Every structure is written in C-alpha cells, then in structure tokens.
C-alpha cells in the first residue's frame, strides 16, 4: 500500500502565525526527542576529535554545510514545494528519499524517530483529527517542511528554523558532553549564523539532482558510536 501522509491545516494569512508555528516546531520543547541524539558527536568527543570550542564549531558547521544538514535542507525544500503545490504523490517520493538517504543505522533512527514523533505531535496539537498513515517511515525534514508550507511559512524561514535547530541541538549536546560551557555555546551559535544563512541560500538555488553529503568523519563517528561502552546519547 503506498504511503499516505496528510499534513493539512487551517492556514491563517498572517506572517506572525506562520512564525509562531515555526518557533514552536523548531523549539527544544516540541516533543520529538532531539535532545537524546548527538549525531555522532559523542563518539568524536570520546576519541578527542572534538575537544574544544573551535573543533565543536567546525564539526557543526561541516554538518550543516556538507553533511546531514545539506541533505535535510534539500529534502525539506522539495517537501515544502510539493506540499505548497498540493502534490501528495511527489511528497511521498521525497519522504522516501529522505528516509533512505542515511549513512548509518543510528542516523537513520535519528531522522525517522524524530519524523514520526513530529507527525504525531503535529496531528495531536496542531491539526486535531487528521490521519497520518505511512508505510515507509518518516523523514523529519520532509514532514517539517510540509507542515511549514501548509502553515504559510516561507521556504527561507522554514530552512532557517530547521538548520538553526540542528545547530542548537548539536551545541547543546557538546555542552552536555562537557566540551564547552554555556557562554562558548552561545558564541558558537552566533558564529554559525552566516553558515546557516549560506546553507539556506545554497539549498534554495541548488539543482535537486545535486544531492548528497561529504562528511566522512561524521559517518565514521556515527558507526563508532554504535559500539561505545558508555553513552549519553542514542546516536
């Protein structure tokens, strides 16, 4: 049976409403379990590859510009566009692509678990009574982009919210691992502002066939994380 993902909502015509929803959905308070994932960072910290503010900032910047952030930005972009056009069949294929394109088992779990949790929380709180049926798993970036399009959020704002949330979650993981303190964590987020802006601009204009990532150190760290003796995070 083909996947069927319905993400319809009442659309209010104000920019403030769309912004409110983006802030809610990208917030750490939105119950998708993002806090439980480090995206391979825990393994990189364990072997000393990420050990201070400079190396943590470099790690997060690479993730956003060349790693999973790049992949997710393109999946989100295409999901936003198809949802805005009401093309449900195309959206299903984009979601499948987002589910499939994960380098490791833990990174796949990270995306699909958060995607499923997002779909459930969205249906329960923001679109009561909606049915979300899916046989292929969920890609967080895809369902986030589709929901934002239905809410009337611009593509640029949606990409910015998603990538900033990714950066903030990785910074928070670094803080909990003892790599940086709170002040240095905020310095990292400030320094990553142009990185996120550039990633957003690149995704909007990039050809959809120019798809992929190139962060081998992150992929290897994610594989190594599966066998860490002690772990704080699920990835």
C-alpha atoms as a PDB file:
ATOM      1  CA  UNK A   1       0.000   0.000   0.000  1.00  0.00           C
ATOM      2  CA  UNK A   2       1.512   3.361  -0.947  1.00  0.00           C
ATOM      3  CA  UNK A   3       2.481   5.757   1.803  1.00  0.00           C
ATOM      4  CA  UNK A   4      -0.201   8.263   2.636  1.00  0.00           C
ATOM      5  CA  UNK A   5       0.847  11.339   4.566  1.00  0.00           C
ATOM      6  CA  UNK A   6      -1.779  14.018   5.066  1.00  0.00           C
ATOM      7  CA  UNK A   7      -0.495  17.225   6.565  1.00  0.00           C
ATOM      8  CA  UNK A   8      -3.364  19.621   6.133  1.00  0.00           C
ATOM      9  CA  UNK A   9      -4.100  22.508   8.461  1.00  0.00           C
ATOM     10  CA  UNK A  10      -6.112  25.682   8.640  1.00  0.00           C
ATOM     11  CA  UNK A  11      -3.911  28.391   7.144  1.00  0.00           C
ATOM     12  CA  UNK A  12      -4.118  31.843   8.692  1.00  0.00           C
ATOM     13  CA  UNK A  13      -2.931  34.608   6.439  1.00  0.00           C
ATOM     14  CA  UNK A  14      -0.631  36.422   8.849  1.00  0.00           C
ATOM     15  CA  UNK A  15       3.146  36.124   8.855  1.00  0.00           C
ATOM     16  CA  UNK A  16       3.034  36.171  12.650  1.00  0.00           C
ATOM     17  CA  UNK A  17       1.017  32.953  12.722  1.00  0.00           C
ATOM     18  CA  UNK A  18       3.485  31.132  10.481  1.00  0.00           C
ATOM     19  CA  UNK A  19       6.400  32.432  12.543  1.00  0.00           C
ATOM     20  CA  UNK A  20       4.720  31.311  15.764  1.00  0.00           C
ATOM     21  CA  UNK A  21       4.329  27.794  14.412  1.00  0.00           C
ATOM     22  CA  UNK A  22       7.891  27.609  13.127  1.00  0.00           C
ATOM     23  CA  UNK A  23       9.210  28.705  16.517  1.00  0.00           C
ATOM     24  CA  UNK A  24       7.062  26.075  18.239  1.00  0.00           C
ATOM     25  CA  UNK A  25       8.041  23.240  15.885  1.00  0.00           C
ATOM     26  CA  UNK A  26      11.777  24.047  15.981  1.00  0.00           C
ATOM     27  CA  UNK A  27      11.809  24.531  19.748  1.00  0.00           C
ATOM     28  CA  UNK A  28      13.514  22.020  22.080  1.00  0.00           C
ATOM     29  CA  UNK A  29      10.120  21.890  23.833  1.00  0.00           C
ATOM     30  CA  UNK A  30       8.494  20.250  20.786  1.00  0.00           C
ATOM     31  CA  UNK A  31       8.355  16.548  21.752  1.00  0.00           C
ATOM     32  CA  UNK A  32      10.442  14.826  19.082  1.00  0.00           C
ATOM     33  CA  UNK A  33      13.283  13.638  21.339  1.00  0.00           C
ATOM     34  CA  UNK A  34      16.027  15.684  19.660  1.00  0.00           C
ATOM     35  CA  UNK A  35      17.839  16.061  22.994  1.00  0.00           C
ATOM     36  CA  UNK A  36      18.606  12.324  23.021  1.00  0.00           C
ATOM     37  CA  UNK A  37      20.736  12.413  19.840  1.00  0.00           C
ATOM     38  CA  UNK A  38      24.264  13.729  19.271  1.00  0.00           C
ATOM     39  CA  UNK A  39      24.591  12.881  15.552  1.00  0.00           C
ATOM     40  CA  UNK A  40      27.901  11.060  16.102  1.00  0.00           C
ATOM     41  CA  UNK A  41      29.328  13.883  18.200  1.00  0.00           C
ATOM     42  CA  UNK A  42      29.600  11.737  21.327  1.00  0.00           C
ATOM     43  CA  UNK A  43      31.984   9.320  19.595  1.00  0.00           C
ATOM     44  CA  UNK A  44      34.002  12.204  18.148  1.00  0.00           C
ATOM     45  CA  UNK A  45      34.339  13.672  21.642  1.00  0.00           C
ATOM     46  CA  UNK A  46      35.322  10.292  23.089  1.00  0.00           C
ATOM     47  CA  UNK A  47      38.279   9.923  20.708  1.00  0.00           C
ATOM     48  CA  UNK A  48      39.335  13.585  21.057  1.00  0.00           C
ATOM     49  CA  UNK A  49      38.476  14.736  17.556  1.00  0.00           C
ATOM     50  CA  UNK A  50      36.070  17.306  19.034  1.00  0.00           C
ATOM     51  CA  UNK A  51      37.513  18.712  22.240  1.00  0.00           C
ATOM     52  CA  UNK A  52      37.001  22.479  22.478  1.00  0.00           C
ATOM     53  CA  UNK A  53      35.050  25.427  21.146  1.00  0.00           C
ATOM     54  CA  UNK A  54      36.950  25.642  17.853  1.00  0.00           C
ATOM     55  CA  UNK A  55      36.627  21.953  16.975  1.00  0.00           C
ATOM     56  CA  UNK A  56      32.970  21.811  18.017  1.00  0.00           C
ATOM     57  CA  UNK A  57      32.156  24.838  15.873  1.00  0.00           C
ATOM     58  CA  UNK A  58      33.977  23.296  12.902  1.00  0.00           C
ATOM     59  CA  UNK A  59      32.132  19.995  13.394  1.00  0.00           C
ATOM     60  CA  UNK A  60      28.707  21.638  13.470  1.00  0.00           C
ATOM     61  CA  UNK A  61      29.497  23.914  10.520  1.00  0.00           C
ATOM     62  CA  UNK A  62      30.541  20.921   8.412  1.00  0.00           C
ATOM     63  CA  UNK A  63      27.378  19.042   9.403  1.00  0.00           C
ATOM     64  CA  UNK A  64      25.217  21.950   8.268  1.00  0.00           C
ATOM     65  CA  UNK A  65      27.034  22.831   5.057  1.00  0.00           C
ATOM     66  CA  UNK A  66      28.251  19.456   3.822  1.00  0.00           C
ATOM     67  CA  UNK A  67      26.634  16.712   5.915  1.00  0.00           C
ATOM     68  CA  UNK A  68      23.178  15.757   7.047  1.00  0.00           C
ATOM     69  CA  UNK A  69      22.202  19.420   7.158  1.00  0.00           C
ATOM     70  CA  UNK A  70      22.768  19.682   3.413  1.00  0.00           C
ATOM     71  CA  UNK A  71      20.755  16.535   2.714  1.00  0.00           C
ATOM     72  CA  UNK A  72      17.951  17.584   5.045  1.00  0.00           C
ATOM     73  CA  UNK A  73      17.831  21.096   3.615  1.00  0.00           C
ATOM     74  CA  UNK A  74      17.251  19.710   0.126  1.00  0.00           C
ATOM     75  CA  UNK A  75      14.645  17.192   1.322  1.00  0.00           C
ATOM     76  CA  UNK A  76      12.864  19.949   3.262  1.00  0.00           C
ATOM     77  CA  UNK A  77      12.996  22.291   0.244  1.00  0.00           C
ATOM     78  CA  UNK A  78      11.430  19.728  -2.072  1.00  0.00           C
ATOM     79  CA  UNK A  79       8.842  18.686   0.525  1.00  0.00           C
ATOM     80  CA  UNK A  80       7.900  22.325   1.111  1.00  0.00           C
ATOM     81  CA  UNK A  81       7.467  22.949  -2.603  1.00  0.00           C
ATOM     82  CA  UNK A  82       5.361  19.867  -3.248  1.00  0.00           C
ATOM     83  CA  UNK A  83       3.192  20.484  -0.171  1.00  0.00           C
ATOM     84  CA  UNK A  84       2.679  24.093  -1.219  1.00  0.00           C
ATOM     85  CA  UNK A  85       1.578  22.838  -4.635  1.00  0.00           C
ATOM     86  CA  UNK A  86      -0.664  20.137  -3.131  1.00  0.00           C
ATOM     87  CA  UNK A  87       1.236  17.361  -4.911  1.00  0.00           C
ATOM     88  CA  UNK A  88       0.809  14.480  -2.435  1.00  0.00           C
ATOM     89  CA  UNK A  89       2.291  11.821  -4.721  1.00  0.00           C
ATOM     90  CA  UNK A  90       5.515  13.780  -5.186  1.00  0.00           C
ATOM     91  CA  UNK A  91       5.711  14.410  -1.455  1.00  0.00           C
ATOM     92  CA  UNK A  92       5.577  10.662  -0.747  1.00  0.00           C
ATOM     93  CA  UNK A  93       8.582  10.088  -3.011  1.00  0.00           C
ATOM     94  CA  UNK A  94      10.537  12.913  -1.372  1.00  0.00           C
ATOM     95  CA  UNK A  95       9.834  11.496   2.069  1.00  0.00           C
ATOM     96  CA  UNK A  96      11.044   8.073   0.920  1.00  0.00           C
ATOM     97  CA  UNK A  97      14.243   9.614  -0.375  1.00  0.00           C
ATOM     98  CA  UNK A  98      14.808  11.340   2.940  1.00  0.00           C
ATOM     99  CA  UNK A  99      14.247   8.111   4.852  1.00  0.00           C
ATOM    100  CA  UNK A 100      16.616   6.135   2.619  1.00  0.00           C
ATOM    101  CA  UNK A 101      19.490   8.571   2.365  1.00  0.00           C
ATOM    102  CA  UNK A 102      21.181   7.968   5.749  1.00  0.00           C
ATOM    103  CA  UNK A 103      24.767   6.825   6.075  1.00  0.00           C
ATOM    104  CA  UNK A 104      24.403   4.751   9.248  1.00  0.00           C
ATOM    105  CA  UNK A 105      21.758   2.926  11.244  1.00  0.00           C
ATOM    106  CA  UNK A 106      21.882   5.467  14.056  1.00  0.00           C
ATOM    107  CA  UNK A 107      21.498   8.440  11.726  1.00  0.00           C
ATOM    108  CA  UNK A 108      18.522   6.689  10.121  1.00  0.00           C
ATOM    109  CA  UNK A 109      16.969   6.150  13.548  1.00  0.00           C
ATOM    110  CA  UNK A 110      17.583   9.782  14.438  1.00  0.00           C
ATOM    111  CA  UNK A 111      15.723  11.089  11.400  1.00  0.00           C
ATOM    112  CA  UNK A 112      12.887   8.559  11.346  1.00  0.00           C
ATOM    113  CA  UNK A 113      12.170   8.643  15.082  1.00  0.00           C
ATOM    114  CA  UNK A 114      12.033  12.425  15.139  1.00  0.00           C
ATOM    115  CA  UNK A 115       9.964  12.444  11.955  1.00  0.00           C
ATOM    116  CA  UNK A 116       7.421  10.062  13.404  1.00  0.00           C
ATOM    117  CA  UNK A 117       7.270  11.995  16.667  1.00  0.00           C
ATOM    118  CA  UNK A 118       6.840  15.259  14.757  1.00  0.00           C
ATOM    119  CA  UNK A 119       3.970  13.839  12.706  1.00  0.00           C
ATOM    120  CA  UNK A 120       2.243  12.535  15.840  1.00  0.00           C
ATOM    121  CA  UNK A 121       2.635  15.764  17.815  1.00  0.00           C
ATOM    122  CA  UNK A 122       1.582  17.858  14.834  1.00  0.00           C
ATOM    123  CA  UNK A 123      -1.592  15.816  14.343  1.00  0.00           C
ATOM    124  CA  UNK A 124      -2.435  15.811  18.037  1.00  0.00           C
ATOM    125  CA  UNK A 125      -1.937  19.507  18.762  1.00  0.00           C
ATOM    126  CA  UNK A 126      -1.917  21.497  15.531  1.00  0.00           C
ATOM    127  CA  UNK A 127      -4.298  19.574  13.318  1.00  0.00           C
ATOM    128  CA  UNK A 128      -6.614  17.541  15.590  1.00  0.00           C
ATOM    129  CA  UNK A 129      -8.479  14.739  13.898  1.00  0.00           C
ATOM    130  CA  UNK A 130      -6.071  14.434  10.990  1.00  0.00           C
ATOM    131  CA  UNK A 131      -4.906  10.998   9.891  1.00  0.00           C
ATOM    132  CA  UNK A 132      -1.270  10.368   9.111  1.00  0.00           C
ATOM    133  CA  UNK A 133      -0.721   6.926   7.666  1.00  0.00           C
ATOM    134  CA  UNK A 134       2.654   5.883   6.366  1.00  0.00           C
ATOM    135  CA  UNK A 135       4.252   2.564   5.478  1.00  0.00           C
ATOM    136  CA  UNK A 136       7.727   3.834   4.631  1.00  0.00           C
ATOM    137  CA  UNK A 137       8.814   5.612   7.792  1.00  0.00           C
ATOM    138  CA  UNK A 138       9.164   9.321   8.309  1.00  0.00           C
ATOM    139  CA  UNK A 139      11.890  11.778   7.436  1.00  0.00           C
ATOM    140  CA  UNK A 140      11.912  14.633   9.941  1.00  0.00           C
ATOM    141  CA  UNK A 141      12.986  17.231   7.381  1.00  0.00           C
ATOM    142  CA  UNK A 142      10.215  16.180   4.983  1.00  0.00           C
ATOM    143  CA  UNK A 143       7.335  16.359   7.449  1.00  0.00           C
ATOM    144  CA  UNK A 144       8.697  19.591   8.956  1.00  0.00           C
ATOM    145  CA  UNK A 145       8.862  21.198   5.521  1.00  0.00           C
ATOM    146  CA  UNK A 146       5.379  20.026   4.554  1.00  0.00           C
ATOM    147  CA  UNK A 147       3.827  21.271   7.796  1.00  0.00           C
ATOM    148  CA  UNK A 148       5.534  24.644   7.415  1.00  0.00           C
ATOM    149  CA  UNK A 149       4.292  25.021   3.849  1.00  0.00           C
ATOM    150  CA  UNK A 150       0.723  24.278   4.971  1.00  0.00           C
ATOM    151  CA  UNK A 151       1.129  26.901   7.702  1.00  0.00           C
ATOM    152  CA  UNK A 152       2.110  29.537   5.146  1.00  0.00           C
ATOM    153  CA  UNK A 153       5.737  29.863   6.284  1.00  0.00           C
ATOM    154  CA  UNK A 154       8.197  30.926   3.609  1.00  0.00           C
ATOM    155  CA  UNK A 155      10.762  28.433   2.367  1.00  0.00           C
ATOM    156  CA  UNK A 156      13.638  30.645   3.516  1.00  0.00           C
ATOM    157  CA  UNK A 157      12.222  30.976   7.032  1.00  0.00           C
ATOM    158  CA  UNK A 158      11.489  27.250   7.237  1.00  0.00           C
ATOM    159  CA  UNK A 159      15.003  26.260   6.199  1.00  0.00           C
ATOM    160  CA  UNK A 160      16.486  28.768   8.628  1.00  0.00           C
ATOM    161  CA  UNK A 161      14.395  27.466  11.526  1.00  0.00           C
ATOM    162  CA  UNK A 162      15.247  23.835  10.782  1.00  0.00           C
ATOM    163  CA  UNK A 163      19.003  24.348  10.374  1.00  0.00           C
ATOM    164  CA  UNK A 164      19.245  26.645  13.387  1.00  0.00           C
ATOM    165  CA  UNK A 165      17.513  23.975  15.464  1.00  0.00           C
ATOM    166  CA  UNK A 166      20.006  21.391  14.204  1.00  0.00           C
ATOM    167  CA  UNK A 167      22.931  23.645  15.108  1.00  0.00           C
ATOM    168  CA  UNK A 168      21.470  24.423  18.533  1.00  0.00           C
ATOM    169  CA  UNK A 169      20.862  20.748  19.310  1.00  0.00           C
ATOM    170  CA  UNK A 170      24.443  19.816  18.416  1.00  0.00           C
ATOM    171  CA  UNK A 171      25.748  22.702  20.501  1.00  0.00           C
ATOM    172  CA  UNK A 172      23.603  21.519  23.404  1.00  0.00           C
ATOM    173  CA  UNK A 173      25.000  18.005  23.018  1.00  0.00           C
ATOM    174  CA  UNK A 174      28.503  19.461  23.161  1.00  0.00           C
ATOM    175  CA  UNK A 175      27.597  21.324  26.303  1.00  0.00           C
ATOM    176  CA  UNK A 176      26.268  18.176  27.986  1.00  0.00           C
ATOM    177  CA  UNK A 177      29.398  16.280  26.950  1.00  0.00           C
ATOM    178  CA  UNK A 178      31.496  18.924  28.713  1.00  0.00           C
ATOM    179  CA  UNK A 179      33.192  20.160  25.535  1.00  0.00           C
ATOM    180  CA  UNK A 180      32.102  23.781  26.065  1.00  0.00           C
ATOM    181  CA  UNK A 181      30.288  25.861  28.623  1.00  0.00           C
ATOM    182  CA  UNK A 182      27.162  27.924  28.101  1.00  0.00           C
ATOM    183  CA  UNK A 183      28.913  31.148  27.066  1.00  0.00           C
ATOM    184  CA  UNK A 184      31.075  29.400  24.485  1.00  0.00           C
ATOM    185  CA  UNK A 185      27.987  27.556  23.290  1.00  0.00           C
ATOM    186  CA  UNK A 186      26.290  30.853  22.520  1.00  0.00           C
ATOM    187  CA  UNK A 187      29.451  32.133  20.840  1.00  0.00           C
ATOM    188  CA  UNK A 188      29.314  29.083  18.583  1.00  0.00           C
ATOM    189  CA  UNK A 189      25.683  29.731  17.653  1.00  0.00           C
ATOM    190  CA  UNK A 190      26.485  33.363  16.886  1.00  0.00           C
ATOM    191  CA  UNK A 191      29.412  32.334  14.695  1.00  0.00           C
ATOM    192  CA  UNK A 192      27.243  29.798  12.844  1.00  0.00           C
ATOM    193  CA  UNK A 193      24.659  32.402  11.798  1.00  0.00           C
ATOM    194  CA  UNK A 194      26.329  33.090   8.414  1.00  0.00           C
ATOM    195  CA  UNK A 195      26.910  29.352   7.916  1.00  0.00           C
ATOM    196  CA  UNK A 196      23.202  28.671   8.277  1.00  0.00           C
ATOM    197  CA  UNK A 197      22.314  31.643   6.054  1.00  0.00           C
ATOM    198  CA  UNK A 198      24.673  30.414   3.341  1.00  0.00           C
ATOM    199  CA  UNK A 199      23.285  26.859   3.593  1.00  0.00           C
ATOM    200  CA  UNK A 200      19.739  28.182   3.216  1.00  0.00           C
ATOM    201  CA  UNK A 201      20.625  30.270   0.173  1.00  0.00           C
ATOM    202  CA  UNK A 202      22.515  27.379  -1.425  1.00  0.00           C
ATOM    203  CA  UNK A 203      19.647  24.931  -0.945  1.00  0.00           C
ATOM    204  CA  UNK A 204      17.054  27.270  -2.433  1.00  0.00           C
ATOM    205  CA  UNK A 205      19.037  27.643  -5.655  1.00  0.00           C
ATOM    206  CA  UNK A 206      20.653  24.194  -5.886  1.00  0.00           C
ATOM    207  CA  UNK A 207      19.529  21.744  -8.558  1.00  0.00           C
ATOM    208  CA  UNK A 208      17.627  18.890  -6.916  1.00  0.00           C
ATOM    209  CA  UNK A 209      19.889  16.360  -8.663  1.00  0.00           C
ATOM    210  CA  UNK A 210      22.951  17.850  -6.943  1.00  0.00           C
ATOM    211  CA  UNK A 211      22.124  15.808  -3.878  1.00  0.00           C
ATOM    212  CA  UNK A 212      24.336  14.237  -1.252  1.00  0.00           C
ATOM    213  CA  UNK A 213      26.819  14.796   1.547  1.00  0.00           C
ATOM    214  CA  UNK A 214      30.558  14.544   2.160  1.00  0.00           C
ATOM    215  CA  UNK A 215      31.270  14.292   5.868  1.00  0.00           C
ATOM    216  CA  UNK A 216      33.123  11.002   6.183  1.00  0.00           C
ATOM    217  CA  UNK A 217      34.468  11.776   9.656  1.00  0.00           C
ATOM    218  CA  UNK A 218      30.912  12.231  10.904  1.00  0.00           C
ATOM    219  CA  UNK A 219      29.766   8.988   9.272  1.00  0.00           C
ATOM    220  CA  UNK A 220      32.672   7.066  10.803  1.00  0.00           C
ATOM    221  CA  UNK A 221      31.978   8.624  14.205  1.00  0.00           C
ATOM    222  CA  UNK A 222      28.349   7.565  13.915  1.00  0.00           C
ATOM    223  CA  UNK A 223      29.413   3.987  13.159  1.00  0.00           C
ATOM    224  CA  UNK A 224      31.836   4.015  16.087  1.00  0.00           C
ATOM    225  CA  UNK A 225      29.121   5.314  18.387  1.00  0.00           C
ATOM    226  CA  UNK A 226      27.178   2.068  17.958  1.00  0.00           C
ATOM    227  CA  UNK A 227      29.850   0.234  19.975  1.00  0.00           C
ATOM    228  CA  UNK A 228      30.777   2.846  22.595  1.00  0.00           C
ATOM    229  CA  UNK A 229      30.935   1.253  26.024  1.00  0.00           C
ATOM    230  CA  UNK A 230      29.105   4.092  27.766  1.00  0.00           C
ATOM    231  CA  UNK A 231      26.766   6.514  26.040  1.00  0.00           C
ATOM    232  CA  UNK A 232      24.652   9.517  26.932  1.00  0.00           C
ATOM    233  CA  UNK A 233      23.008   9.715  23.508  1.00  0.00           C
ATOM    234  CA  UNK A 234      21.250   7.410  21.063  1.00  0.00           C
ATOM    235  CA  UNK A 235      23.428   8.498  18.134  1.00  0.00           C
END
